[in-house]
Amino acid sequence: MTRSVLVVDDDPVFLSLVTRILASIGIVGVTTAQDGVTALAAADVVKPDAILVDVGLPDCDGIDLAFVLQALPWEPHVTVTSSDDDAAFVVAARANSQLLPFVRKDEVTSDSMRRLTSCTAQKG
C-alpha cells in the first residue's frame, strides 16, 4: 500500500528535511506546500493519507488550516508542528474535543514520521 504525505510549511529547509526523512522510511508520495492556498489545492489533487501542517503560515493560521484538512472526505491524519513551545498549548486549547496531534519541529525524526504514517495504516 502506497502512502502519501503532504507537508505544509513556509520554511524550505524544514520542507527539505521532512521530505528526506519521509523518503528514508519509504514514503515516496511526498508533496509540499508553502502556504494554505497551495496546501488546499494540493490536498484536493493528491488526497494524501497524512498531512503535517506548520502553525505559522504566511497566508493563514495553520491550526485553522489543520482543522479544514482534517475534515476532508477521505479523513487524512493531520498533525500540527511548530518550533514554538507554546504552540502545543494553543493547539490543545483550540482542539476542544477533536484530536489534533502536535509535534515540535525539533522532534521531527524518522520515528515520529513513522508514527504519523502508521496512523494512516490503522485507519483503513
PDB file of N, CA and C in Angstrom:
ATOM      1  N   MET A   1       0.842  -1.179   0.000  1.00  0.00           N
ATOM      2  CA  MET A   1       0.000   0.000   0.000  1.00  0.00           C
ATOM      3  C   MET A   1       0.890   1.246   0.000  1.00  0.00           C
ATOM      4  N   THR A   2       0.683   2.124  -0.943  1.00  0.00           N
ATOM      5  CA  THR A   2       1.460   3.358  -1.027  1.00  0.00           C
ATOM      6  C   THR A   2       0.791   4.420  -0.181  1.00  0.00           C
ATOM      7  N   ARG A   3       1.554   5.034   0.686  1.00  0.00           N
ATOM      8  CA  ARG A   3       1.037   6.129   1.497  1.00  0.00           C
ATOM      9  C   ARG A   3       1.576   7.440   0.949  1.00  0.00           C
ATOM     10  N   SER A   4       0.769   8.471   1.081  1.00  0.00           N
ATOM     11  CA  SER A   4       1.221   9.785   0.635  1.00  0.00           C
ATOM     12  C   SER A   4       1.102  10.781   1.776  1.00  0.00           C
ATOM     13  N   VAL A   5       2.008  11.743   1.780  1.00  0.00           N
ATOM     14  CA  VAL A   5       2.062  12.736   2.845  1.00  0.00           C
ATOM     15  C   VAL A   5       2.188  14.120   2.211  1.00  0.00           C
ATOM     16  N   LEU A   6       1.402  15.055   2.725  1.00  0.00           N
ATOM     17  CA  LEU A   6       1.500  16.466   2.352  1.00  0.00           C
ATOM     18  C   LEU A   6       2.152  17.193   3.519  1.00  0.00           C
ATOM     19  N   VAL A   7       3.209  17.933   3.234  1.00  0.00           N
ATOM     20  CA  VAL A   7       3.909  18.713   4.256  1.00  0.00           C
ATOM     21  C   VAL A   7       3.707  20.187   3.931  1.00  0.00           C
ATOM     22  N   VAL A   8       3.119  20.931   4.889  1.00  0.00           N
ATOM     23  CA  VAL A   8       2.792  22.342   4.685  1.00  0.00           C
ATOM     24  C   VAL A   8       3.646  23.180   5.627  1.00  0.00           C
ATOM     25  N   ASP A   9       4.580  23.930   5.046  1.00  0.00           N
ATOM     26  CA  ASP A   9       5.475  24.771   5.846  1.00  0.00           C
ATOM     27  C   ASP A   9       6.114  25.792   4.918  1.00  0.00           C
ATOM     28  N   ASP A  10       6.324  27.007   5.402  1.00  0.00           N
ATOM     29  CA  ASP A  10       6.935  28.042   4.569  1.00  0.00           C
ATOM     30  C   ASP A  10       8.452  28.097   4.691  1.00  0.00           C
ATOM     31  N   ASP A  11       9.038  27.179   5.449  1.00  0.00           N
ATOM     32  CA  ASP A  11      10.489  27.113   5.608  1.00  0.00           C
ATOM     33  C   ASP A  11      11.044  26.039   4.670  1.00  0.00           C
ATOM     34  N   PRO A  12      11.742  26.447   3.593  1.00  0.00           N
ATOM     35  CA  PRO A  12      12.249  25.465   2.627  1.00  0.00           C
ATOM     36  C   PRO A  12      13.230  24.464   3.237  1.00  0.00           C
ATOM     37  N   VAL A  13      13.978  24.879   4.248  1.00  0.00           N
ATOM     38  CA  VAL A  13      14.933  23.968   4.890  1.00  0.00           C
ATOM     39  C   VAL A  13      14.170  22.862   5.627  1.00  0.00           C
ATOM     40  N   PHE A  14      13.106  23.240   6.344  1.00  0.00           N
ATOM     41  CA  PHE A  14      12.299  22.248   7.060  1.00  0.00           C
ATOM     42  C   PHE A  14      11.591  21.317   6.069  1.00  0.00           C
ATOM     43  N   LEU A  15      11.052  21.886   4.991  1.00  0.00           N
ATOM     44  CA  LEU A  15      10.402  21.051   3.971  1.00  0.00           C
ATOM     45  C   LEU A  15      11.377  20.008   3.422  1.00  0.00           C
ATOM     46  N   SER A  16      12.592  20.427   3.144  1.00  0.00           N
ATOM     47  CA  SER A  16      13.604  19.517   2.621  1.00  0.00           C
ATOM     48  C   SER A  16      13.944  18.431   3.641  1.00  0.00           C
ATOM     49  N   LEU A  17      14.102  18.821   4.892  1.00  0.00           N
ATOM     50  CA  LEU A  17      14.423  17.864   5.954  1.00  0.00           C
ATOM     51  C   LEU A  17      13.322  16.811   6.079  1.00  0.00           C
ATOM     52  N   VAL A  18      12.076  17.239   6.171  1.00  0.00           N
ATOM     53  CA  VAL A  18      10.969  16.298   6.335  1.00  0.00           C
ATOM     54  C   VAL A  18      10.837  15.400   5.108  1.00  0.00           C
ATOM     55  N   THR A  19      11.031  15.960   3.931  1.00  0.00           N
ATOM     56  CA  THR A  19      10.962  15.159   2.707  1.00  0.00           C
ATOM     57  C   THR A  19      12.022  14.060   2.729  1.00  0.00           C
ATOM     58  N   ARG A  20      13.233  14.400   3.161  1.00  0.00           N
ATOM     59  CA  ARG A  20      14.307  13.396   3.247  1.00  0.00           C
ATOM     60  C   ARG A  20      13.992  12.334   4.305  1.00  0.00           C
ATOM     61  N   ILE A  21      13.458  12.766   5.445  1.00  0.00           N
ATOM     62  CA  ILE A  21      13.105  11.804   6.499  1.00  0.00           C
ATOM     63  C   ILE A  21      12.026  10.848   5.997  1.00  0.00           C
ATOM     64  N   LEU A  22      11.007  11.390   5.358  1.00  0.00           N
ATOM     65  CA  LEU A  22       9.926  10.540   4.849  1.00  0.00           C
ATOM     66  C   LEU A  22      10.450   9.559   3.798  1.00  0.00           C
ATOM     67  N   ALA A  23      11.325  10.030   2.919  1.00  0.00           N
ATOM     68  CA  ALA A  23      11.914   9.137   1.914  1.00  0.00           C
ATOM     69  C   ALA A  23      12.731   8.029   2.585  1.00  0.00           C
ATOM     70  N   SER A  24      13.413   8.373   3.667  1.00  0.00           N
ATOM     71  CA  SER A  24      14.254   7.377   4.354  1.00  0.00           C
ATOM     72  C   SER A  24      13.429   6.270   5.004  1.00  0.00           C
ATOM     73  N   ILE A  25      12.150   6.526   5.270  1.00  0.00           N
ATOM     74  CA  ILE A  25      11.296   5.480   5.843  1.00  0.00           C
ATOM     75  C   ILE A  25      10.385   4.854   4.787  1.00  0.00           C
ATOM     76  N   GLY A  26      10.656   5.183   3.528  1.00  0.00           N
ATOM     77  CA  GLY A  26       9.956   4.518   2.442  1.00  0.00           C
ATOM     78  C   GLY A  26       8.712   5.198   1.905  1.00  0.00           C
ATOM     79  N   ILE A  27       8.467   6.438   2.290  1.00  0.00           N
ATOM     80  CA  ILE A  27       7.317   7.171   1.767  1.00  0.00           C
ATOM     81  C   ILE A  27       7.756   7.868   0.479  1.00  0.00           C
ATOM     82  N   VAL A  28       7.207   7.444  -0.642  1.00  0.00           N
ATOM     83  CA  VAL A  28       7.611   8.025  -1.915  1.00  0.00           C
ATOM     84  C   VAL A  28       6.655   9.119  -2.373  1.00  0.00           C
ATOM     85  N   GLY A  29       5.451   9.134  -1.856  1.00  0.00           N
ATOM     86  CA  GLY A  29       4.469  10.132  -2.261  1.00  0.00           C
ATOM     87  C   GLY A  29       4.464  11.326  -1.333  1.00  0.00           C
ATOM     88  N   VAL A  30       5.483  12.172  -1.431  1.00  0.00           N
ATOM     89  CA  VAL A  30       5.574  13.363  -0.584  1.00  0.00           C
ATOM     90  C   VAL A  30       5.309  14.592  -1.440  1.00  0.00           C
ATOM     91  N   THR A  31       4.332  15.376  -1.022  1.00  0.00           N
ATOM     92  CA  THR A  31       4.001  16.642  -1.676  1.00  0.00           C
ATOM     93  C   THR A  31       4.240  17.743  -0.665  1.00  0.00           C
ATOM     94  N   THR A  32       4.737  18.893  -1.132  1.00  0.00           N
ATOM     95  CA  THR A  32       4.971  20.012  -0.220  1.00  0.00           C
ATOM     96  C   THR A  32       4.179  21.237  -0.674  1.00  0.00           C
ATOM     97  N   ALA A  33       3.858  22.067   0.310  1.00  0.00           N
ATOM     98  CA  ALA A  33       3.179  23.336   0.049  1.00  0.00           C
ATOM     99  C   ALA A  33       3.719  24.357   1.031  1.00  0.00           C
ATOM    100  N   GLN A  34       3.869  25.602   0.567  1.00  0.00           N
ATOM    101  CA  GLN A  34       4.438  26.635   1.427  1.00  0.00           C
ATOM    102  C   GLN A  34       3.398  27.583   1.995  1.00  0.00           C
ATOM    103  N   ASP A  35       2.113  27.370   1.691  1.00  0.00           N
ATOM    104  CA  ASP A  35       1.065  28.225   2.254  1.00  0.00           C
ATOM    105  C   ASP A  35      -0.265  27.465   2.226  1.00  0.00           C
ATOM    106  N   GLY A  36      -1.268  28.058   2.825  1.00  0.00           N
ATOM    107  CA  GLY A  36      -2.562  27.409   2.938  1.00  0.00           C
ATOM    108  C   GLY A  36      -3.278  27.202   1.624  1.00  0.00           C
ATOM    109  N   VAL A  37      -3.238  28.195   0.751  1.00  0.00           N
ATOM    110  CA  VAL A  37      -3.921  28.085  -0.543  1.00  0.00           C
ATOM    111  C   VAL A  37      -3.336  26.928  -1.346  1.00  0.00           C
ATOM    112  N   THR A  38      -2.020  26.863  -1.406  1.00  0.00           N
ATOM    113  CA  THR A  38      -1.349  25.788  -2.138  1.00  0.00           C
ATOM    114  C   THR A  38      -1.630  24.435  -1.486  1.00  0.00           C
ATOM    115  N   ALA A  39      -1.666  24.409  -0.166  1.00  0.00           N
ATOM    116  CA  ALA A  39      -1.941  23.160   0.553  1.00  0.00           C
ATOM    117  C   ALA A  39      -3.327  22.621   0.235  1.00  0.00           C
ATOM    118  N   LEU A  40      -4.331  23.487   0.235  1.00  0.00           N
ATOM    119  CA  LEU A  40      -5.694  23.048  -0.074  1.00  0.00           C
ATOM    120  C   LEU A  40      -5.796  22.512  -1.497  1.00  0.00           C
ATOM    121  N   ALA A  41      -5.160  23.195  -2.438  1.00  0.00           N
ATOM    122  CA  ALA A  41      -5.175  22.743  -3.824  1.00  0.00           C
ATOM    123  C   ALA A  41      -4.452  21.401  -3.959  1.00  0.00           C
ATOM    124  N   ALA A  42      -3.296  21.268  -3.318  1.00  0.00           N
ATOM    125  CA  ALA A  42      -2.531  20.017  -3.386  1.00  0.00           C
ATOM    126  C   ALA A  42      -3.303  18.875  -2.736  1.00  0.00           C
ATOM    127  N   ALA A  43      -3.923  19.131  -1.605  1.00  0.00           N
ATOM    128  CA  ALA A  43      -4.696  18.087  -0.922  1.00  0.00           C
ATOM    129  C   ALA A  43      -5.825  17.597  -1.803  1.00  0.00           C
ATOM    130  N   ASP A  44      -6.478  18.509  -2.507  1.00  0.00           N
ATOM    131  CA  ASP A  44      -7.585  18.135  -3.386  1.00  0.00           C
ATOM    132  C   ASP A  44      -7.122  17.228  -4.526  1.00  0.00           C
ATOM    133  N   VAL A  45      -5.934  17.480  -5.032  1.00  0.00           N
ATOM    134  CA  VAL A  45      -5.401  16.693  -6.149  1.00  0.00           C
ATOM    135  C   VAL A  45      -4.799  15.372  -5.661  1.00  0.00           C
ATOM    136  N   VAL A  46      -3.953  15.439  -4.634  1.00  0.00           N
ATOM    137  CA  VAL A  46      -3.178  14.290  -4.178  1.00  0.00           C
ATOM    138  C   VAL A  46      -3.977  13.375  -3.238  1.00  0.00           C
ATOM    139  N   LYS A  47      -4.871  13.951  -2.453  1.00  0.00           N
ATOM    140  CA  LYS A  47      -5.631  13.224  -1.433  1.00  0.00           C
ATOM    141  C   LYS A  47      -4.690  12.413  -0.524  1.00  0.00           C
ATOM    142  N   PRO A  48      -3.806  13.126   0.170  1.00  0.00           N
ATOM    143  CA  PRO A  48      -2.807  12.441   0.994  1.00  0.00           C
ATOM    144  C   PRO A  48      -3.435  11.709   2.181  1.00  0.00           C
ATOM    145  N   ASP A  49      -2.753  10.652   2.603  1.00  0.00           N
ATOM    146  CA  ASP A  49      -3.181   9.913   3.788  1.00  0.00           C
ATOM    147  C   ASP A  49      -2.852  10.674   5.065  1.00  0.00           C
ATOM    148  N   ALA A  50      -1.742  11.402   5.052  1.00  0.00           N
ATOM    149  CA  ALA A  50      -1.280  12.139   6.223  1.00  0.00           C
ATOM    150  C   ALA A  50      -0.840  13.534   5.805  1.00  0.00           C
ATOM    151  N   ILE A  51      -1.011  14.484   6.730  1.00  0.00           N
ATOM    152  CA  ILE A  51      -0.639  15.873   6.452  1.00  0.00           C
ATOM    153  C   ILE A  51       0.045  16.440   7.692  1.00  0.00           C
ATOM    154  N   LEU A  52       1.169  17.096   7.481  1.00  0.00           N
ATOM    155  CA  LEU A  52       1.911  17.779   8.536  1.00  0.00           C
ATOM    156  C   LEU A  52       1.802  19.272   8.256  1.00  0.00           C
ATOM    157  N   VAL A  53       1.236  20.042   9.208  1.00  0.00           N
ATOM    158  CA  VAL A  53       0.958  21.460   8.982  1.00  0.00           C
ATOM    159  C   VAL A  53       1.669  22.319  10.027  1.00  0.00           C
ATOM    160  N   ASP A  54       2.419  23.311   9.564  1.00  0.00           N
ATOM    161  CA  ASP A  54       3.062  24.275  10.445  1.00  0.00           C
ATOM    162  C   ASP A  54       2.018  25.245  10.993  1.00  0.00           C
ATOM    163  N   VAL A  55       2.158  25.638  12.240  1.00  0.00           N
ATOM    164  CA  VAL A  55       1.231  26.580  12.861  1.00  0.00           C
ATOM    165  C   VAL A  55       1.302  27.948  12.189  1.00  0.00           C
ATOM    166  N   GLY A  56       2.512  28.404  11.880  1.00  0.00           N
ATOM    167  CA  GLY A  56       2.691  29.743  11.314  1.00  0.00           C
ATOM    168  C   GLY A  56       2.892  29.709   9.818  1.00  0.00           C
ATOM    169  N   LEU A  57       1.849  30.058   9.080  1.00  0.00           N
ATOM    170  CA  LEU A  57       1.934  30.110   7.626  1.00  0.00           C
ATOM    171  C   LEU A  57       1.737  31.552   7.161  1.00  0.00           C
ATOM    172  N   PRO A  58       2.263  31.912   5.985  1.00  0.00           N
ATOM    173  CA  PRO A  58       2.195  33.312   5.560  1.00  0.00           C
ATOM    174  C   PRO A  58       0.793  33.799   5.209  1.00  0.00           C
ATOM    175  N   ASP A  59      -0.110  32.910   4.833  1.00  0.00           N
ATOM    176  CA  ASP A  59      -1.424  33.367   4.373  1.00  0.00           C
ATOM    177  C   ASP A  59      -2.600  32.932   5.240  1.00  0.00           C
ATOM    178  N   CYS A  60      -2.337  32.124   6.262  1.00  0.00           N
ATOM    179  CA  CYS A  60      -3.438  31.687   7.120  1.00  0.00           C
ATOM    180  C   CYS A  60      -2.899  31.119   8.426  1.00  0.00           C
ATOM    181  N   ASP A  61      -3.794  30.879   9.354  1.00  0.00           N
ATOM    182  CA  ASP A  61      -3.459  30.246  10.623  1.00  0.00           C
ATOM    183  C   ASP A  61      -3.358  28.743  10.382  1.00  0.00           C
ATOM    184  N   GLY A  62      -2.222  28.152  10.695  1.00  0.00           N
ATOM    185  CA  GLY A  62      -2.012  26.736  10.449  1.00  0.00           C
ATOM    186  C   GLY A  62      -2.949  25.832  11.228  1.00  0.00           C
ATOM    187  N   ILE A  63      -3.363  26.254  12.416  1.00  0.00           N
ATOM    188  CA  ILE A  63      -4.297  25.437  13.206  1.00  0.00           C
ATOM    189  C   ILE A  63      -5.659  25.407  12.521  1.00  0.00           C
ATOM    190  N   ASP A  64      -6.121  26.564  12.065  1.00  0.00           N
ATOM    191  CA  ASP A  64      -7.389  26.594  11.324  1.00  0.00           C
ATOM    192  C   ASP A  64      -7.301  25.714  10.083  1.00  0.00           C
ATOM    193  N   LEU A  65      -6.190  25.820   9.358  1.00  0.00           N
ATOM    194  CA  LEU A  65      -5.995  25.007   8.160  1.00  0.00           C
ATOM    195  C   LEU A  65      -6.005  23.525   8.517  1.00  0.00           C
ATOM    196  N   ALA A  66      -5.372  23.162   9.617  1.00  0.00           N
ATOM    197  CA  ALA A  66      -5.333  21.759  10.034  1.00  0.00           C
ATOM    198  C   ALA A  66      -6.736  21.200  10.252  1.00  0.00           C
ATOM    199  N   PHE A  67      -7.614  21.987  10.870  1.00  0.00           N
ATOM    200  CA  PHE A  67      -8.986  21.530  11.083  1.00  0.00           C
ATOM    201  C   PHE A  67      -9.729  21.366   9.756  1.00  0.00           C
ATOM    202  N   VAL A  68      -9.494  22.279   8.821  1.00  0.00           N
ATOM    203  CA  VAL A  68     -10.124  22.164   7.497  1.00  0.00           C
ATOM    204  C   VAL A  68      -9.635  20.897   6.799  1.00  0.00           C
ATOM    205  N   LEU A  69      -8.333  20.664   6.839  1.00  0.00           N
ATOM    206  CA  LEU A  69      -7.763  19.485   6.186  1.00  0.00           C
ATOM    207  C   LEU A  69      -8.226  18.198   6.858  1.00  0.00           C
ATOM    208  N   GLN A  70      -8.342  18.228   8.162  1.00  0.00           N
ATOM    209  CA  GLN A  70      -8.784  17.052   8.913  1.00  0.00           C
ATOM    210  C   GLN A  70     -10.226  16.659   8.547  1.00  0.00           C
ATOM    211  N   ALA A  71     -11.022  17.633   8.135  1.00  0.00           N
ATOM    212  CA  ALA A  71     -12.430  17.390   7.810  1.00  0.00           C
ATOM    213  C   ALA A  71     -12.652  16.961   6.355  1.00  0.00           C
ATOM    214  N   LEU A  72     -11.584  16.800   5.583  1.00  0.00           N
ATOM    215  CA  LEU A  72     -11.737  16.381   4.191  1.00  0.00           C
ATOM    216  C   LEU A  72     -12.394  14.995   4.133  1.00  0.00           C
ATOM    217  N   PRO A  73     -13.116  14.715   3.058  1.00  0.00           N
ATOM    218  CA  PRO A  73     -13.899  13.470   2.984  1.00  0.00           C
ATOM    219  C   PRO A  73     -13.111  12.179   3.201  1.00  0.00           C
ATOM    220  N   TRP A  74     -11.856  12.117   2.807  1.00  0.00           N
ATOM    221  CA  TRP A  74     -11.079  10.884   2.965  1.00  0.00           C
ATOM    222  C   TRP A  74     -10.400  10.808   4.330  1.00  0.00           C
ATOM    223  N   GLU A  75     -10.633  11.807   5.186  1.00  0.00           N
ATOM    224  CA  GLU A  75     -10.162  11.846   6.573  1.00  0.00           C
ATOM    225  C   GLU A  75      -8.654  11.594   6.728  1.00  0.00           C
ATOM    226  N   PRO A  76      -7.837  12.486   6.166  1.00  0.00           N
ATOM    227  CA  PRO A  76      -6.388  12.324   6.348  1.00  0.00           C
ATOM    228  C   PRO A  76      -6.003  12.512   7.810  1.00  0.00           C
ATOM    229  N   HIS A  77      -4.928  11.881   8.198  1.00  0.00           N
ATOM    230  CA  HIS A  77      -4.396  12.057   9.555  1.00  0.00           C
ATOM    231  C   HIS A  77      -3.571  13.342   9.548  1.00  0.00           C
ATOM    232  N   VAL A  78      -3.996  14.349  10.314  1.00  0.00           N
ATOM    233  CA  VAL A  78      -3.348  15.656  10.312  1.00  0.00           C
ATOM    234  C   VAL A  78      -2.597  15.865  11.623  1.00  0.00           C
ATOM    235  N   THR A  79      -1.349  16.293  11.503  1.00  0.00           N
ATOM    236  CA  THR A  79      -0.518  16.612  12.651  1.00  0.00           C
ATOM    237  C   THR A  79      -0.035  18.047  12.490  1.00  0.00           C
ATOM    238  N   VAL A  80      -0.031  18.790  13.589  1.00  0.00           N
ATOM    239  CA  VAL A  80       0.413  20.190  13.584  1.00  0.00           C
ATOM    240  C   VAL A  80       1.836  20.234  14.129  1.00  0.00           C
ATOM    241  N   THR A  81       2.639  21.144  13.575  1.00  0.00           N
ATOM    242  CA  THR A  81       4.019  21.287  14.028  1.00  0.00           C
ATOM    243  C   THR A  81       4.374  22.758  14.221  1.00  0.00           C
ATOM    244  N   SER A  82       5.352  22.993  15.076  1.00  0.00           N
ATOM    245  CA  SER A  82       5.862  24.343  15.311  1.00  0.00           C
ATOM    246  C   SER A  82       7.160  24.236  16.094  1.00  0.00           C
ATOM    247  N   SER A  83       7.973  25.269  16.029  1.00  0.00           N
ATOM    248  CA  SER A  83       9.170  25.333  16.871  1.00  0.00           C
ATOM    249  C   SER A  83       8.888  26.128  18.144  1.00  0.00           C
ATOM    250  N   ASP A  84       7.701  26.686  18.256  1.00  0.00           N
ATOM    251  CA  ASP A  84       7.284  27.480  19.413  1.00  0.00           C
ATOM    252  C   ASP A  84       6.783  26.556  20.521  1.00  0.00           C
ATOM    253  N   ASP A  85       7.385  26.646  21.703  1.00  0.00           N
ATOM    254  CA  ASP A  85       6.992  25.809  22.838  1.00  0.00           C
ATOM    255  C   ASP A  85       5.520  25.963  23.211  1.00  0.00           C
ATOM    256  N   ASP A  86       4.976  27.156  23.074  1.00  0.00           N
ATOM    257  CA  ASP A  86       3.597  27.409  23.471  1.00  0.00           C
ATOM    258  C   ASP A  86       2.570  26.915  22.453  1.00  0.00           C
ATOM    259  N   ALA A  87       3.000  26.551  21.269  1.00  0.00           N
ATOM    260  CA  ALA A  87       2.067  26.140  20.220  1.00  0.00           C
ATOM    261  C   ALA A  87       1.266  24.904  20.614  1.00  0.00           C
ATOM    262  N   ALA A  88       1.881  23.969  21.321  1.00  0.00           N
ATOM    263  CA  ALA A  88       1.160  22.753  21.746  1.00  0.00           C
ATOM    264  C   ALA A  88      -0.020  23.114  22.619  1.00  0.00           C
ATOM    265  N   PHE A  89       0.139  24.112  23.487  1.00  0.00           N
ATOM    266  CA  PHE A  89      -0.958  24.533  24.360  1.00  0.00           C
ATOM    267  C   PHE A  89      -2.065  25.217  23.562  1.00  0.00           C
ATOM    268  N   VAL A  90      -1.667  26.004  22.578  1.00  0.00           N
ATOM    269  CA  VAL A  90      -2.644  26.679  21.723  1.00  0.00           C
ATOM    270  C   VAL A  90      -3.445  25.651  20.929  1.00  0.00           C
ATOM    271  N   VAL A  91      -2.751  24.659  20.378  1.00  0.00           N
ATOM    272  CA  VAL A  91      -3.436  23.607  19.621  1.00  0.00           C
ATOM    273  C   VAL A  91      -4.406  22.871  20.520  1.00  0.00           C
ATOM    274  N   ALA A  92      -3.963  22.486  21.710  1.00  0.00           N
ATOM    275  CA  ALA A  92      -4.821  21.742  22.633  1.00  0.00           C
ATOM    276  C   ALA A  92      -6.031  22.570  23.051  1.00  0.00           C
ATOM    277  N   ALA A  93      -5.832  23.852  23.299  1.00  0.00           N
ATOM    278  CA  ALA A  93      -6.936  24.709  23.725  1.00  0.00           C
ATOM    279  C   ALA A  93      -7.971  24.885  22.622  1.00  0.00           C
ATOM    280  N   ARG A  94      -7.517  24.965  21.387  1.00  0.00           N
ATOM    281  CA  ARG A  94      -8.440  25.179  20.266  1.00  0.00           C
ATOM    282  C   ARG A  94      -9.044  23.895  19.755  1.00  0.00           C
ATOM    283  N   ALA A  95      -8.429  22.761  20.078  1.00  0.00           N
ATOM    284  CA  ALA A  95      -8.909  21.489  19.557  1.00  0.00           C
ATOM    285  C   ALA A  95     -10.215  21.052  20.212  1.00  0.00           C
ATOM    286  N   ASN A  96     -10.460  21.500  21.434  1.00  0.00           N
ATOM    287  CA  ASN A  96     -11.636  21.061  22.190  1.00  0.00           C
ATOM    288  C   ASN A  96     -11.691  19.548  22.217  1.00  0.00           C
ATOM    289  N   SER A  97     -12.734  18.967  21.657  1.00  0.00           N
ATOM    290  CA  SER A  97     -12.868  17.510  21.714  1.00  0.00           C
ATOM    291  C   SER A  97     -12.247  16.824  20.499  1.00  0.00           C
ATOM    292  N   GLN A  98     -11.796  17.582  19.514  1.00  0.00           N
ATOM    293  CA  GLN A  98     -11.203  16.979  18.316  1.00  0.00           C
ATOM    294  C   GLN A  98      -9.742  16.639  18.561  1.00  0.00           C
ATOM    295  N   LEU A  99      -9.326  15.520  18.021  1.00  0.00           N
ATOM    296  CA  LEU A  99      -7.933  15.113  18.136  1.00  0.00           C
ATOM    297  C   LEU A  99      -7.111  15.807  17.057  1.00  0.00           C
ATOM    298  N   LEU A 100      -6.121  16.567  17.473  1.00  0.00           N
ATOM    299  CA  LEU A 100      -5.221  17.222  16.542  1.00  0.00           C
ATOM    300  C   LEU A 100      -3.813  17.084  17.114  1.00  0.00           C
ATOM    301  N   PRO A 101      -3.100  16.024  16.732  1.00  0.00           N
ATOM    302  CA  PRO A 101      -1.775  15.770  17.294  1.00  0.00           C
ATOM    303  C   PRO A 101      -0.795  16.904  16.995  1.00  0.00           C
ATOM    304  N   PHE A 102       0.198  17.038  17.863  1.00  0.00           N
ATOM    305  CA  PHE A 102       1.210  18.079  17.742  1.00  0.00           C
ATOM    306  C   PHE A 102       2.589  17.451  17.896  1.00  0.00           C
ATOM    307  N   VAL A 103       3.543  17.888  17.076  1.00  0.00           N
ATOM    308  CA  VAL A 103       4.939  17.503  17.228  1.00  0.00           C
ATOM    309  C   VAL A 103       5.807  18.747  17.037  1.00  0.00           C
ATOM    310  N   ARG A 104       6.753  18.924  17.957  1.00  0.00           N
ATOM    311  CA  ARG A 104       7.687  20.046  17.824  1.00  0.00           C
ATOM    312  C   ARG A 104       8.613  19.796  16.640  1.00  0.00           C
ATOM    313  N   LYS A 105       8.992  20.866  15.961  1.00  0.00           N
ATOM    314  CA  LYS A 105       9.868  20.723  14.787  1.00  0.00           C
ATOM    315  C   LYS A 105      11.191  20.053  15.139  1.00  0.00           C
ATOM    316  N   ASP A 106      11.723  20.339  16.319  1.00  0.00           N
ATOM    317  CA  ASP A 106      12.999  19.717  16.680  1.00  0.00           C
ATOM    318  C   ASP A 106      12.828  18.259  17.114  1.00  0.00           C
ATOM    319  N   GLU A 107      11.585  17.771  17.141  1.00  0.00           N
ATOM    320  CA  GLU A 107      11.321  16.367  17.462  1.00  0.00           C
ATOM    321  C   GLU A 107      10.882  15.577  16.229  1.00  0.00           C
ATOM    322  N   VAL A 108      10.971  16.204  15.054  1.00  0.00           N
ATOM    323  CA  VAL A 108      10.630  15.507  13.818  1.00  0.00           C
ATOM    324  C   VAL A 108      11.810  14.605  13.457  1.00  0.00           C
ATOM    325  N   THR A 109      11.579  13.319  13.600  1.00  0.00           N
ATOM    326  CA  THR A 109      12.600  12.300  13.345  1.00  0.00           C
ATOM    327  C   THR A 109      11.980  11.182  12.521  1.00  0.00           C
ATOM    328  N   SER A 110      12.785  10.207  12.177  1.00  0.00           N
ATOM    329  CA  SER A 110      12.260   9.035  11.479  1.00  0.00           C
ATOM    330  C   SER A 110      11.174   8.364  12.314  1.00  0.00           C
ATOM    331  N   ASP A 111      11.403   8.261  13.626  1.00  0.00           N
ATOM    332  CA  ASP A 111      10.409   7.612  14.494  1.00  0.00           C
ATOM    333  C   ASP A 111       9.099   8.379  14.550  1.00  0.00           C
ATOM    334  N   SER A 112       9.167   9.709  14.685  1.00  0.00           N
ATOM    335  CA  SER A 112       7.923  10.479  14.741  1.00  0.00           C
ATOM    336  C   SER A 112       7.187  10.432  13.403  1.00  0.00           C
ATOM    337  N   MET A 113       7.925  10.397  12.304  1.00  0.00           N
ATOM    338  CA  MET A 113       7.286  10.301  10.997  1.00  0.00           C
ATOM    339  C   MET A 113       6.706   8.902  10.762  1.00  0.00           C
ATOM    340  N   ARG A 114       7.342   7.882  11.317  1.00  0.00           N
ATOM    341  CA  ARG A 114       6.761   6.534  11.234  1.00  0.00           C
ATOM    342  C   ARG A 114       5.418   6.502  11.967  1.00  0.00           C
ATOM    343  N   ARG A 115       5.371   7.130  13.148  1.00  0.00           N
ATOM    344  CA  ARG A 115       4.108   7.173  13.904  1.00  0.00           C
ATOM    345  C   ARG A 115       3.048   7.930  13.109  1.00  0.00           C
ATOM    346  N   LEU A 116       3.425   9.043  12.503  1.00  0.00           N
ATOM    347  CA  LEU A 116       2.483   9.824  11.697  1.00  0.00           C
ATOM    348  C   LEU A 116       1.917   8.983  10.567  1.00  0.00           C
ATOM    349  N   THR A 117       2.774   8.276   9.872  1.00  0.00           N
ATOM    350  CA  THR A 117       2.308   7.499   8.723  1.00  0.00           C
ATOM    351  C   THR A 117       1.674   6.179   9.134  1.00  0.00           C
ATOM    352  N   SER A 118       2.030   5.636  10.297  1.00  0.00           N
ATOM    353  CA  SER A 118       1.407   4.377  10.722  1.00  0.00           C
ATOM    354  C   SER A 118      -0.044   4.596  11.133  1.00  0.00           C
ATOM    355  N   CYS A 119      -0.387   5.793  11.544  1.00  0.00           N
ATOM    356  CA  CYS A 119      -1.792   6.095  11.877  1.00  0.00           C
ATOM    357  C   CYS A 119      -2.670   5.901  10.654  1.00  0.00           C
ATOM    358  N   THR A 120      -2.139   6.181   9.476  1.00  0.00           N
ATOM    359  CA  THR A 120      -2.935   6.025   8.267  1.00  0.00           C
ATOM    360  C   THR A 120      -3.164   4.551   7.958  1.00  0.00           C
ATOM    361  N   ALA A 121      -2.200   3.714   8.282  1.00  0.00           N
ATOM    362  CA  ALA A 121      -2.362   2.292   8.017  1.00  0.00           C
ATOM    363  C   ALA A 121      -3.427   1.690   8.927  1.00  0.00           C
ATOM    364  N   GLN A 122      -3.567   2.221  10.142  1.00  0.00           N
ATOM    365  CA  GLN A 122      -4.546   1.702  11.089  1.00  0.00           C
ATOM    366  C   GLN A 122      -5.953   2.128  10.737  1.00  0.00           C
ATOM    367  N   LYS A 123      -6.108   3.254  10.024  1.00  0.00           N
ATOM    368  CA  LYS A 123      -7.439   3.747   9.662  1.00  0.00           C
ATOM    369  C   LYS A 123      -8.162   2.833   8.693  1.00  0.00           C
ATOM    370  N   GLY A 124      -7.436   2.425   7.680  1.00  0.00           N
ATOM    371  CA  GLY A 124      -8.112   1.787   6.584  1.00  0.00           C
ATOM    372  C   GLY A 124      -7.900   0.354   6.537  1.00  0.00           C
TER     373      GLY A 124
END
